[in-house]
Amino acid sequence: MKNTLKKLLIMIMAIMLIGSLTACGSQKDNVKNQSSNTSIFPNFNATDFQGNQFTQNMFKDNPVTVLNIWFTGCQACVSEMPQLETLSKELKEKGVALVGVCIDDVSMDKTIYAQAEKILKDNNITYPNLIMEHGEEIDNYLNNIFAFPTTLLIDREGNIIGEPIVGSIDNQKQIDDLNNRIDKIIENDKQ
């Protein structure tokens, strides 16, 4: 009986370990359906790692903004960054912005700030990465994301379009699907 219980515990721990290594929460069910609660991304004030200020008005500049939400302890978030950097340059040609949001509380912990900065530098990231200022609306929204990375498509009115993309964007099929979604939003923007 003890051996069976021991084997069962080892199996459970192995399954949990494998699940945690595949992504920092890559199951679609781990994200509450944000679009059913609200179709508009919450108002926010943010600063990027170069000190530039951003608000929700940034969405007005492009027919689509791809918003990638990540944190420093998420290996899947960090490992997709080089692909996102390449994608950001391709999207720029379409008039689409790619913006990262680091949800670590870097304002309270300078070590985490330095770690986030190092991750961006080591991956040669040039697209903006924001640090959100605390506010009830944005904090509530971000605290309801349970899987990382999570990527949202936001139109120029600030509307979240479609379901969030949960997990890394790290293969050609995912990139093609993302581009198809972006093209449809751009087409709707022209009407």
Protein backbone atom coordinates (compact mmCIF):
# COMPACT_ATOMS: atom_id res chain seq x y z
CA MET A 1 0.00 0.00 0.00
CA LYS A 2 2.82 2.40 0.92
CA ASN A 3 4.64 1.66 -2.36
CA THR A 4 1.48 2.26 -4.39
CA LEU A 5 0.83 5.55 -2.60
CA LYS A 6 4.45 6.58 -3.07
CA LYS A 7 4.31 5.79 -6.81
CA LEU A 8 1.04 7.72 -7.14
CA LEU A 9 2.56 10.77 -5.43
CA ILE A 10 5.62 10.62 -7.68
CA MET A 11 3.40 10.42 -10.76
CA ILE A 12 1.33 13.38 -9.62
CA MET A 13 4.44 15.44 -8.93
CA ALA A 14 5.90 14.53 -12.33
CA ILE A 15 2.69 15.56 -14.10
CA MET A 16 2.65 18.86 -12.22
CA LEU A 17 6.28 19.52 -13.09
CA ILE A 18 5.74 18.79 -16.78
CA GLY A 19 2.69 21.04 -16.82
CA SER A 20 4.58 23.92 -15.24
CA LEU A 21 7.44 23.62 -17.72
CA THR A 22 5.30 23.82 -20.86
CA ALA A 23 4.23 27.40 -20.13
CA CYS A 24 3.51 29.59 -17.21
CA GLY A 25 -0.11 28.52 -17.32
CA SER A 26 -0.89 27.73 -20.92
CA GLN A 27 -4.37 26.33 -20.60
CA LYS A 28 -7.06 28.48 -22.20
CA ASP A 29 -9.38 27.75 -19.30
CA ASN A 30 -6.94 29.41 -16.91
CA VAL A 31 -7.88 32.85 -18.25
CA LYS A 32 -11.22 34.26 -17.29
CA ASN A 33 -13.08 35.33 -20.38
CA GLN A 34 -12.09 38.97 -20.28
CA SER A 35 -14.26 39.84 -23.26
CA SER A 36 -17.43 38.70 -21.49
CA ASN A 37 -16.71 41.10 -18.59
CA THR A 38 -15.80 44.05 -20.77
CA SER A 39 -14.88 44.59 -24.36
CA ILE A 40 -12.75 47.65 -23.62
CA PHE A 41 -9.23 47.49 -22.21
CA PRO A 42 -9.18 49.42 -18.92
CA ASN A 43 -7.89 52.97 -18.64
CA PHE A 44 -4.28 53.09 -17.52
CA ASN A 45 -1.18 55.18 -17.01
CA ALA A 46 2.14 53.52 -17.71
CA THR A 47 5.82 54.18 -18.21
CA ASP A 48 8.16 52.18 -20.41
CA PHE A 49 11.69 51.22 -19.40
CA GLN A 50 13.03 54.36 -21.12
CA GLY A 51 10.75 56.64 -19.06
CA ASN A 52 8.19 57.41 -21.80
CA GLN A 53 4.60 57.88 -20.66
CA PHE A 54 1.69 55.88 -22.11
CA THR A 55 -2.08 55.80 -21.62
CA GLN A 56 -4.94 54.01 -23.36
CA ASN A 57 -4.76 56.81 -25.97
CA MET A 58 -1.83 54.89 -27.52
CA PHE A 59 -4.36 52.53 -29.11
CA LYS A 60 -5.66 55.36 -31.35
CA ASP A 61 -2.37 55.44 -33.27
CA ASN A 62 -2.83 52.01 -34.92
CA PRO A 63 -5.68 49.94 -36.28
CA VAL A 64 -4.42 47.11 -34.03
CA THR A 65 -2.15 46.97 -31.01
CA VAL A 66 -0.83 43.55 -30.01
CA LEU A 67 -0.50 43.67 -26.22
CA ASN A 68 1.72 40.93 -24.75
CA ILE A 69 1.42 40.51 -20.96
CA TRP A 70 4.39 38.87 -19.22
CA PHE A 71 6.43 38.70 -16.02
CA THR A 72 10.09 38.04 -15.26
CA GLY A 73 9.62 34.63 -13.61
CA CYS A 74 7.76 33.20 -16.61
CA GLN A 75 10.17 31.19 -18.77
CA ALA A 76 7.63 30.88 -21.59
CA CYS A 77 7.21 34.67 -21.59
CA VAL A 78 10.94 35.26 -21.87
CA SER A 79 11.56 32.53 -24.44
CA GLU A 80 8.99 33.97 -26.88
CA MET A 81 10.52 37.47 -26.81
CA PRO A 82 12.96 37.00 -29.73
CA GLN A 83 10.07 35.80 -31.90
CA LEU A 84 7.97 38.77 -30.77
CA GLU A 85 10.82 41.15 -31.63
CA THR A 86 10.91 39.78 -35.18
CA LEU A 87 7.12 39.92 -35.35
CA SER A 88 7.05 43.53 -34.09
CA LYS A 89 9.19 44.64 -37.03
CA GLU A 90 6.94 42.81 -39.51
CA LEU A 91 3.80 44.22 -37.91
CA LYS A 92 5.18 47.75 -37.98
CA GLU A 93 5.12 47.54 -41.80
CA LYS A 94 1.34 46.92 -41.54
CA GLY A 95 0.88 49.87 -39.19
CA VAL A 96 0.41 47.56 -36.20
CA ALA A 97 2.11 48.09 -32.83
CA LEU A 98 3.37 45.35 -30.56
CA VAL A 99 3.66 46.41 -26.92
CA GLY A 100 4.73 44.38 -23.90
CA VAL A 101 3.34 44.81 -20.40
CA CYS A 102 5.55 43.63 -17.55
CA ILE A 103 3.22 42.93 -14.64
CA ASP A 104 5.95 42.53 -12.03
CA ASP A 105 5.69 45.22 -9.37
CA VAL A 106 8.98 46.76 -10.46
CA SER A 107 8.17 50.08 -8.81
CA MET A 108 8.43 48.39 -5.40
CA ASP A 109 11.43 46.16 -6.06
CA LYS A 110 14.51 47.53 -7.82
CA THR A 111 15.97 44.02 -8.14
CA ILE A 112 12.98 42.90 -10.21
CA TYR A 113 13.20 46.10 -12.25
CA ALA A 114 16.85 45.34 -13.02
CA GLN A 115 15.95 41.74 -13.88
CA ALA A 116 13.20 42.87 -16.29
CA GLU A 117 15.55 45.39 -17.87
CA LYS A 118 18.21 42.69 -18.30
CA ILE A 119 15.70 40.32 -19.94
CA LEU A 120 14.76 43.01 -22.45
CA LYS A 121 18.39 43.89 -23.14
CA ASP A 122 19.55 40.25 -23.43
CA ASN A 123 16.79 39.59 -25.98
CA ASN A 124 17.48 42.82 -27.93
CA ILE A 125 13.88 43.94 -27.47
CA THR A 126 13.08 47.25 -29.15
CA TYR A 127 9.28 47.28 -28.92
CA PRO A 128 7.91 49.24 -25.93
CA ASN A 129 7.44 47.38 -22.65
CA LEU A 130 5.21 49.09 -20.15
CA ILE A 131 5.11 49.21 -16.39
CA MET A 132 1.53 49.94 -15.34
CA GLU A 133 0.83 52.40 -12.57
CA HIS A 134 -1.48 51.02 -9.94
CA GLY A 135 -5.14 51.83 -10.37
CA GLU A 136 -8.24 49.92 -9.37
CA GLU A 137 -9.51 49.25 -12.89
CA ILE A 138 -6.22 48.13 -14.46
CA ASP A 139 -5.16 46.19 -11.35
CA ASN A 140 -8.46 44.29 -11.32
CA TYR A 141 -8.09 43.45 -15.00
CA LEU A 142 -4.49 42.26 -14.79
CA ASN A 143 -5.11 40.33 -11.57
CA ASN A 144 -7.74 38.28 -13.42
CA ILE A 145 -5.19 36.93 -15.90
CA PHE A 146 -4.05 33.55 -14.67
CA ALA A 147 -1.93 32.28 -17.58
CA PHE A 148 1.20 33.80 -19.03
CA PRO A 149 2.09 34.98 -21.49
CA THR A 150 -1.29 36.33 -22.54
CA THR A 151 -1.60 38.35 -25.72
CA LEU A 152 -4.52 40.62 -26.60
CA LEU A 153 -5.51 42.30 -29.85
CA ILE A 154 -6.85 45.80 -29.25
CA ASP A 155 -8.35 48.07 -31.89
CA ARG A 156 -7.89 51.84 -32.07
CA GLU A 157 -11.00 52.37 -29.92
CA GLY A 158 -9.49 50.29 -27.10
CA ASN A 159 -11.77 47.30 -27.74
CA ILE A 160 -10.34 43.85 -27.06
CA ILE A 161 -10.96 41.89 -30.24
CA GLY A 162 -11.50 38.14 -29.96
CA GLU A 163 -10.25 35.75 -27.34
CA PRO A 164 -6.87 36.24 -25.65
CA ILE A 165 -3.97 34.24 -27.01
CA VAL A 166 -2.76 32.20 -24.07
CA GLY A 167 0.74 30.75 -24.03
CA SER A 168 3.74 31.47 -26.20
CA ILE A 169 3.49 32.57 -29.79
CA ASP A 170 6.39 30.47 -30.94
CA ASN A 171 5.53 28.63 -34.14
CA GLN A 172 4.58 29.55 -37.67
CA LYS A 173 0.96 28.35 -37.38
CA GLN A 174 0.38 30.63 -34.39
CA ILE A 175 2.02 33.54 -36.20
CA ASP A 176 -0.10 32.90 -39.31
CA ASP A 177 -3.27 32.74 -37.17
CA LEU A 178 -2.28 35.98 -35.42
CA ASN A 179 -1.62 37.70 -38.74
CA ASN A 180 -5.00 36.55 -40.08
CA ARG A 181 -6.75 38.00 -37.03
CA ILE A 182 -4.80 41.24 -37.40
CA ASP A 183 -5.64 41.51 -41.12
CA LYS A 184 -9.36 41.18 -40.35
CA ILE A 185 -9.18 43.93 -37.74
CA ILE A 186 -7.30 46.18 -40.16
CA GLU A 187 -9.91 45.53 -42.84
CA ASN A 188 -12.72 46.43 -40.40
CA ASP A 189 -10.82 49.57 -39.43
CA LYS A 190 -10.85 50.76 -43.06
CA GLN A 191 -14.65 50.59 -43.27
